[in-house]
Amino acid sequence: MAARQHNIHERPRMPTLDHVVLHAEFTARAGSDDEVMRLIRDYAELVRKEPGNIVFDVYRRAESPSDFFVFEVYHDRDAFDAHLRADAGTEFNARLAEHIVGEGSTLRFLTPTSVAGWHS
């Protein structure tokens, strides 16, 4: 399956209640910023090819570049569960754990609103 092309000038359609929307946050350990960036960049390429993934966007906090923020959208719970079961995710999380502060990423699940900035 070919990777989806993401046009930064088009806004995605408003997610439905079936979509799984979340963000993950984690902080790189001192001296690990570059390695974390490499790991998340490579992982993002794989996740974006998953058939159930709609969005996987990686950000760093402007005021604290060691803090990473990942915004994710999946078609539905089955797609998100498939993402969680993927070998690539297990490997990524194991490697990431060596380079971040704490036990792992903090996940926060979101519910879209009509004012979320998406168009219908």
C-alpha atoms as a PDB file:
ATOM      1  CA  MET A   1       0.000   0.000   0.000  1.00  0.00           C
ATOM      2  CA  ALA A   2       1.392   3.406  -0.927  1.00  0.00           C
ATOM      3  CA  ALA A   3       1.860   5.967   1.807  1.00  0.00           C
ATOM      4  CA  ARG A   4      -0.768   8.684   2.003  1.00  0.00           C
ATOM      5  CA  GLN A   5       0.296  12.084   0.857  1.00  0.00           C
ATOM      6  CA  HIS A   6      -0.320  14.775   3.471  1.00  0.00           C
ATOM      7  CA  ASN A   7      -1.050  18.181   1.985  1.00  0.00           C
ATOM      8  CA  ILE A   8      -0.232  20.714   4.694  1.00  0.00           C
ATOM      9  CA  HIS A   9      -2.554  23.233   3.026  1.00  0.00           C
ATOM     10  CA  GLU A  10      -5.624  21.012   3.437  1.00  0.00           C
ATOM     11  CA  ARG A  11      -7.203  20.536   6.821  1.00  0.00           C
ATOM     12  CA  PRO A  12      -8.367  17.002   7.630  1.00  0.00           C
ATOM     13  CA  ARG A  13     -12.090  16.411   7.888  1.00  0.00           C
ATOM     14  CA  MET A  14     -13.712  16.572  11.306  1.00  0.00           C
ATOM     15  CA  PRO A  15     -13.181  13.268  13.076  1.00  0.00           C
ATOM     16  CA  THR A  16     -16.255  11.262  13.944  1.00  0.00           C
ATOM     17  CA  LEU A  17     -16.986   9.710  17.306  1.00  0.00           C
ATOM     18  CA  ASP A  18     -15.619   6.465  15.846  1.00  0.00           C
ATOM     19  CA  HIS A  19     -12.175   8.010  15.445  1.00  0.00           C
ATOM     20  CA  VAL A  20      -9.591   7.574  18.186  1.00  0.00           C
ATOM     21  CA  VAL A  21      -7.863  10.911  18.801  1.00  0.00           C
ATOM     22  CA  LEU A  22      -5.049  11.331  21.298  1.00  0.00           C
ATOM     23  CA  HIS A  23      -1.778  12.974  22.065  1.00  0.00           C
ATOM     24  CA  ALA A  24       1.297  11.494  23.642  1.00  0.00           C
ATOM     25  CA  GLU A  25       3.896  13.461  25.566  1.00  0.00           C
ATOM     26  CA  PHE A  26       7.368  12.542  26.728  1.00  0.00           C
ATOM     27  CA  THR A  27      10.624  14.273  27.653  1.00  0.00           C
ATOM     28  CA  ALA A  28      14.048  13.286  26.351  1.00  0.00           C
ATOM     29  CA  ARG A  29      16.755  12.713  28.927  1.00  0.00           C
ATOM     30  CA  ALA A  30      19.645  15.190  28.939  1.00  0.00           C
ATOM     31  CA  GLY A  31      21.845  14.494  25.925  1.00  0.00           C
ATOM     32  CA  SER A  32      19.252  12.253  24.223  1.00  0.00           C
ATOM     33  CA  ASP A  33      17.328  14.853  22.187  1.00  0.00           C
ATOM     34  CA  ASP A  34      18.927  13.887  18.860  1.00  0.00           C
ATOM     35  CA  GLU A  35      18.415  10.148  19.415  1.00  0.00           C
ATOM     36  CA  VAL A  36      14.791  10.651  20.433  1.00  0.00           C
ATOM     37  CA  MET A  37      14.246  12.792  17.339  1.00  0.00           C
ATOM     38  CA  ARG A  38      15.751  10.082  15.126  1.00  0.00           C
ATOM     39  CA  LEU A  39      13.646   7.350  16.757  1.00  0.00           C
ATOM     40  CA  ILE A  40      10.370   9.278  16.506  1.00  0.00           C
ATOM     41  CA  ARG A  41      11.087  10.381  12.922  1.00  0.00           C
ATOM     42  CA  ASP A  42      11.657   6.783  11.803  1.00  0.00           C
ATOM     43  CA  TYR A  43       8.648   5.535  13.749  1.00  0.00           C
ATOM     44  CA  ALA A  44       6.385   8.258  12.328  1.00  0.00           C
ATOM     45  CA  GLU A  45       7.189   7.075   8.802  1.00  0.00           C
ATOM     46  CA  LEU A  46       6.020   3.557   9.724  1.00  0.00           C
ATOM     47  CA  VAL A  47       2.873   4.653  11.572  1.00  0.00           C
ATOM     48  CA  ARG A  48       1.758   6.912   8.713  1.00  0.00           C
ATOM     49  CA  LYS A  49       1.739   3.813   6.469  1.00  0.00           C
ATOM     50  CA  GLU A  50      -0.641   1.919   8.774  1.00  0.00           C
ATOM     51  CA  PRO A  51      -4.007   1.556   7.027  1.00  0.00           C
ATOM     52  CA  GLY A  52      -5.936   2.835  10.078  1.00  0.00           C
ATOM     53  CA  ASN A  53      -3.781   5.891  10.778  1.00  0.00           C
ATOM     54  CA  ILE A  54      -5.078   9.289   9.707  1.00  0.00           C
ATOM     55  CA  VAL A  55      -2.644  11.638  11.482  1.00  0.00           C
ATOM     56  CA  PHE A  56       0.668  11.122  13.273  1.00  0.00           C
ATOM     57  CA  ASP A  57       2.271  14.548  13.758  1.00  0.00           C
ATOM     58  CA  VAL A  58       5.316  15.120  15.952  1.00  0.00           C
ATOM     59  CA  TYR A  59       6.084  18.417  17.686  1.00  0.00           C
ATOM     60  CA  ARG A  60       8.648  19.756  20.130  1.00  0.00           C
ATOM     61  CA  ARG A  61       7.786  22.437  22.660  1.00  0.00           C
ATOM     62  CA  ALA A  62       9.253  25.742  21.521  1.00  0.00           C
ATOM     63  CA  GLU A  63      10.223  26.725  25.078  1.00  0.00           C
ATOM     64  CA  SER A  64      11.564  23.261  25.944  1.00  0.00           C
ATOM     65  CA  PRO A  65      12.863  21.294  22.921  1.00  0.00           C
ATOM     66  CA  SER A  66      13.412  18.159  25.028  1.00  0.00           C
ATOM     67  CA  ASP A  67       9.620  17.889  25.429  1.00  0.00           C
ATOM     68  CA  PHE A  68       7.919  16.011  22.590  1.00  0.00           C
ATOM     69  CA  PHE A  69       4.209  16.067  21.716  1.00  0.00           C
ATOM     70  CA  VAL A  70       2.672  13.591  19.251  1.00  0.00           C
ATOM     71  CA  PHE A  71      -0.845  14.159  17.891  1.00  0.00           C
ATOM     72  CA  GLU A  72      -2.510  10.984  16.576  1.00  0.00           C
ATOM     73  CA  VAL A  73      -5.804  10.125  14.875  1.00  0.00           C
ATOM     74  CA  TYR A  74      -6.956   6.600  13.941  1.00  0.00           C
ATOM     75  CA  HIS A  75     -10.048   5.544  11.956  1.00  0.00           C
ATOM     76  CA  ASP A  76     -11.568   3.636  14.859  1.00  0.00           C
ATOM     77  CA  ARG A  77     -10.788   1.574  17.946  1.00  0.00           C
ATOM     78  CA  ASP A  78      -9.858  -1.469  15.855  1.00  0.00           C
ATOM     79  CA  ALA A  79      -7.300   0.593  13.924  1.00  0.00           C
ATOM     80  CA  PHE A  80      -5.850   1.971  17.172  1.00  0.00           C
ATOM     81  CA  ASP A  81      -5.696  -1.523  18.696  1.00  0.00           C
ATOM     82  CA  ALA A  82      -3.887  -2.787  15.573  1.00  0.00           C
ATOM     83  CA  HIS A  83      -1.441   0.108  15.969  1.00  0.00           C
ATOM     84  CA  LEU A  84      -0.799  -0.898  19.582  1.00  0.00           C
ATOM     85  CA  ARG A  85      -0.202  -4.540  18.609  1.00  0.00           C
ATOM     86  CA  ALA A  86       2.241  -3.733  15.790  1.00  0.00           C
ATOM     87  CA  ASP A  87       5.781  -5.033  16.303  1.00  0.00           C
ATOM     88  CA  ALA A  88       7.191  -1.665  15.243  1.00  0.00           C
ATOM     89  CA  GLY A  89       5.484   0.032  18.208  1.00  0.00           C
ATOM     90  CA  THR A  90       6.785  -2.508  20.699  1.00  0.00           C
ATOM     91  CA  GLU A  91      10.316  -2.043  19.394  1.00  0.00           C
ATOM     92  CA  PHE A  92       9.994   1.753  19.279  1.00  0.00           C
ATOM     93  CA  ASN A  93       8.708   2.002  22.862  1.00  0.00           C
ATOM     94  CA  ALA A  94      11.468  -0.268  24.175  1.00  0.00           C
ATOM     95  CA  ARG A  95      14.139   1.812  22.479  1.00  0.00           C
ATOM     96  CA  LEU A  96      12.502   5.106  23.432  1.00  0.00           C
ATOM     97  CA  ALA A  97      12.331   4.108  27.121  1.00  0.00           C
ATOM     98  CA  GLU A  98      16.125   4.208  27.290  1.00  0.00           C
ATOM     99  CA  HIS A  99      16.145   7.864  26.257  1.00  0.00           C
ATOM    100  CA  ILE A 100      13.209   9.500  28.034  1.00  0.00           C
ATOM    101  CA  VAL A 101      12.396  10.655  31.544  1.00  0.00           C
ATOM    102  CA  GLY A 102       9.881   8.548  33.463  1.00  0.00           C
ATOM    103  CA  GLU A 103       8.090   5.305  32.738  1.00  0.00           C
ATOM    104  CA  GLY A 104       7.006   6.134  29.188  1.00  0.00           C
ATOM    105  CA  SER A 105       4.751   8.405  27.196  1.00  0.00           C
ATOM    106  CA  THR A 106       1.757  10.066  28.808  1.00  0.00           C
ATOM    107  CA  LEU A 107      -1.316   9.444  26.658  1.00  0.00           C
ATOM    108  CA  ARG A 108      -4.358  11.703  26.689  1.00  0.00           C
ATOM    109  CA  PHE A 109      -7.418  10.742  24.673  1.00  0.00           C
ATOM    110  CA  LEU A 110      -9.451  13.554  23.134  1.00  0.00           C
ATOM    111  CA  THR A 111     -13.011  14.046  21.966  1.00  0.00           C
ATOM    112  CA  PRO A 112     -13.438  16.370  18.963  1.00  0.00           C
ATOM    113  CA  THR A 113     -15.716  19.388  19.194  1.00  0.00           C
ATOM    114  CA  SER A 114     -17.324  21.386  16.422  1.00  0.00           C
ATOM    115  CA  VAL A 115     -14.862  24.205  17.148  1.00  0.00           C
ATOM    116  CA  ALA A 116     -11.731  22.055  16.941  1.00  0.00           C
ATOM    117  CA  GLY A 117     -10.667  23.800  13.726  1.00  0.00           C
ATOM    118  CA  TRP A 118     -11.408  20.852  11.466  1.00  0.00           C
ATOM    119  CA  HIS A 119     -13.897  21.251   8.645  1.00  0.00           C
ATOM    120  CA  SER A 120     -16.803  18.934   7.960  1.00  0.00           C
END
